[in-house]
Amino acid sequence: VTSTAGGDVWRAFLMRVLMGQAGQISSALPHIAQPETGFVTAFDPYIVGWAGSRRFLPDAERRLGQSLPNHPVLFPIGNMFWTKAGVARGMLNLFGPDYPWPNEPLPNDGTVYHLIERLWPAATAAAKLESVFLNRPGTRRA
């Protein structure tokens, strides 16, 4: 599988934040090891909204059993992060075993996959755990 050059740059950025780089280990693992933390991801300064995925919100809110914000500020851009198994199970339960997963074009927004990345903090809160967004000053996408 190949990605665009922009996708490769973005992936490298996320890996530097979540894994670290030569001589600098990321703080992601100590954070996810904390009992109160259920989700650790990179803070990405590239700001996006719900955009086309907004149409899936009513069904997601019904399944989640809580209202979601109209304009969430923080969610992972891309499904690269550390999470606890209970949070992942909660996310799977949110969609159920027979969910008709579509074959979606990426990186186009407005898909179920983009909805999922926006729901990880909500699934973490539903598990009564905290989300951590790591900001590594000086780490850029370029």
Protein backbone atom coordinates (compact mmCIF):
# COMPACT_ATOMS: atom_id res chain seq x y z
CA VAL A 1 0.00 0.00 0.00
CA THR A 2 1.33 3.41 -0.86
CA SER A 3 0.37 6.86 0.29
CA THR A 4 0.83 10.34 -1.03
CA ALA A 5 3.97 12.30 -0.25
CA GLY A 6 1.90 14.47 2.12
CA GLY A 7 0.64 11.35 3.88
CA ASP A 8 4.19 10.10 4.35
CA VAL A 9 5.21 13.44 5.90
CA TRP A 10 2.19 13.33 8.21
CA ARG A 11 2.89 9.73 9.24
CA ALA A 12 6.51 10.61 10.05
CA PHE A 13 5.29 13.54 12.20
CA LEU A 14 2.90 11.28 14.13
CA MET A 15 5.56 8.63 14.64
CA ARG A 16 8.07 11.20 15.98
CA VAL A 17 5.49 12.40 18.50
CA LEU A 18 4.13 8.98 19.52
CA MET A 19 7.33 6.94 19.40
CA GLY A 20 10.13 9.47 19.65
CA GLN A 21 13.22 9.70 17.53
CA ALA A 22 16.96 9.11 17.87
CA GLY A 23 17.97 9.97 21.40
CA GLN A 24 14.49 11.16 22.41
CA ILE A 25 11.88 8.68 23.60
CA SER A 26 8.30 9.88 23.51
CA SER A 27 6.39 10.42 26.75
CA ALA A 28 3.41 8.57 25.23
CA LEU A 29 4.16 5.23 26.91
CA PRO A 30 4.51 6.63 30.45
CA HIS A 31 1.25 8.51 29.90
CA ILE A 32 -0.72 5.48 28.67
CA ALA A 33 0.67 3.47 31.61
CA GLN A 34 -1.12 5.79 34.04
CA PRO A 35 -4.33 4.15 35.31
CA GLU A 36 -6.46 7.25 34.65
CA THR A 37 -5.29 7.59 31.03
CA GLY A 38 -7.12 5.70 28.30
CA PHE A 39 -5.94 7.43 25.15
CA VAL A 40 -2.73 9.18 24.05
CA THR A 41 -2.31 10.84 20.68
CA ALA A 42 -0.33 13.58 19.01
CA PHE A 43 -1.55 17.14 19.15
CA ASP A 44 -1.66 18.12 15.51
CA PRO A 45 -1.68 21.86 14.86
CA TYR A 46 -3.55 21.28 11.60
CA ILE A 47 -7.12 22.10 12.60
CA VAL A 48 -10.04 20.34 10.97
CA GLY A 49 -13.70 20.12 11.99
CA TRP A 50 -16.41 17.52 11.60
CA ALA A 51 -16.92 18.55 7.96
CA GLY A 52 -18.61 15.79 5.97
CA SER A 53 -18.64 13.38 8.91
CA ARG A 54 -21.15 15.59 10.72
CA ARG A 55 -24.01 13.72 8.97
CA PHE A 56 -23.13 10.61 11.03
CA LEU A 57 -23.38 12.43 14.38
CA PRO A 58 -27.04 11.70 15.24
CA ASP A 59 -26.50 7.95 14.95
CA ALA A 60 -23.20 8.12 16.86
CA GLU A 61 -24.79 10.17 19.66
CA ARG A 62 -27.65 7.66 19.94
CA ARG A 63 -25.21 4.74 20.13
CA LEU A 64 -22.89 6.55 22.55
CA GLY A 65 -25.77 7.62 24.78
CA GLN A 66 -24.49 11.19 25.12
CA SER A 67 -24.42 14.40 23.18
CA LEU A 68 -21.30 15.30 21.26
CA PRO A 69 -19.99 18.86 20.90
CA ASN A 70 -20.90 20.80 17.77
CA HIS A 71 -17.29 21.80 17.22
CA PRO A 72 -14.86 19.49 19.00
CA VAL A 73 -11.49 21.10 19.47
CA LEU A 74 -9.31 18.05 19.97
CA PHE A 75 -9.41 14.70 18.28
CA PRO A 76 -6.70 12.64 16.62
CA ILE A 77 -6.00 13.48 13.03
CA GLY A 78 -5.51 9.97 11.74
CA ASN A 79 -5.98 6.74 13.60
CA MET A 80 -2.45 6.54 15.04
CA PHE A 81 -2.36 6.63 18.84
CA TRP A 82 -2.00 4.59 22.01
CA THR A 83 -5.17 3.39 23.73
CA LYS A 84 -6.24 0.99 26.44
CA ALA A 85 -8.12 -2.16 25.49
CA GLY A 86 -11.27 -1.06 27.32
CA VAL A 87 -11.49 2.09 25.22
CA ALA A 88 -11.00 0.08 22.02
CA ARG A 89 -13.69 -2.41 23.11
CA GLY A 90 -16.04 0.48 23.82
CA MET A 91 -15.43 1.83 20.33
CA LEU A 92 -16.09 -1.60 18.79
CA ASN A 93 -19.28 -1.91 20.83
CA LEU A 94 -20.34 1.51 19.64
CA PHE A 95 -20.58 0.21 16.09
CA GLY A 96 -21.47 -3.41 16.83
CA PRO A 97 -20.33 -6.67 15.27
CA ASP A 98 -22.54 -6.40 12.18
CA TYR A 99 -21.78 -2.81 11.22
CA PRO A 100 -21.69 -2.55 7.39
CA TRP A 101 -18.21 -1.06 7.04
CA PRO A 102 -17.98 0.60 3.65
CA ASN A 103 -14.94 0.51 1.42
CA GLU A 104 -14.09 4.19 1.74
CA PRO A 105 -11.77 6.38 -0.27
CA LEU A 106 -9.12 8.05 1.81
CA PRO A 107 -8.03 10.78 2.52
CA ASN A 108 -11.42 12.21 1.57
CA ASP A 109 -13.34 13.55 4.55
CA GLY A 110 -16.96 12.78 5.28
CA THR A 111 -16.55 9.06 5.84
CA VAL A 112 -17.27 6.71 8.73
CA TYR A 113 -13.52 6.30 9.19
CA HIS A 114 -13.15 10.04 9.73
CA LEU A 115 -16.05 9.93 12.18
CA ILE A 116 -14.24 7.20 14.12
CA GLU A 117 -11.09 9.28 14.59
CA ARG A 118 -13.25 12.10 15.93
CA LEU A 119 -14.98 9.77 18.43
CA TRP A 120 -11.90 8.38 20.24
CA PRO A 121 -11.90 11.08 22.96
CA ALA A 122 -15.65 10.56 23.50
CA ALA A 123 -15.16 6.79 23.78
CA THR A 124 -12.35 7.45 26.27
CA ALA A 125 -14.59 9.73 28.35
CA ALA A 126 -17.36 7.10 28.22
CA ALA A 127 -14.85 4.64 29.73
CA LYS A 128 -14.28 7.23 32.48
CA LEU A 129 -10.67 7.71 31.42
CA GLU A 130 -8.67 10.73 30.28
CA SER A 131 -7.30 11.63 26.86
CA VAL A 132 -3.79 13.04 26.52
CA PHE A 133 -2.70 15.05 23.48
CA LEU A 134 1.07 15.29 23.23
CA ASN A 135 2.57 18.49 21.94
CA ARG A 136 6.25 18.32 21.10
CA PRO A 137 7.30 21.89 20.43
CA GLY A 138 9.58 22.11 17.46
CA THR A 139 8.22 18.90 15.92
CA ARG A 140 6.66 19.89 12.65
CA ARG A 141 4.99 18.06 9.83
CA ALA A 142 7.62 19.19 7.35
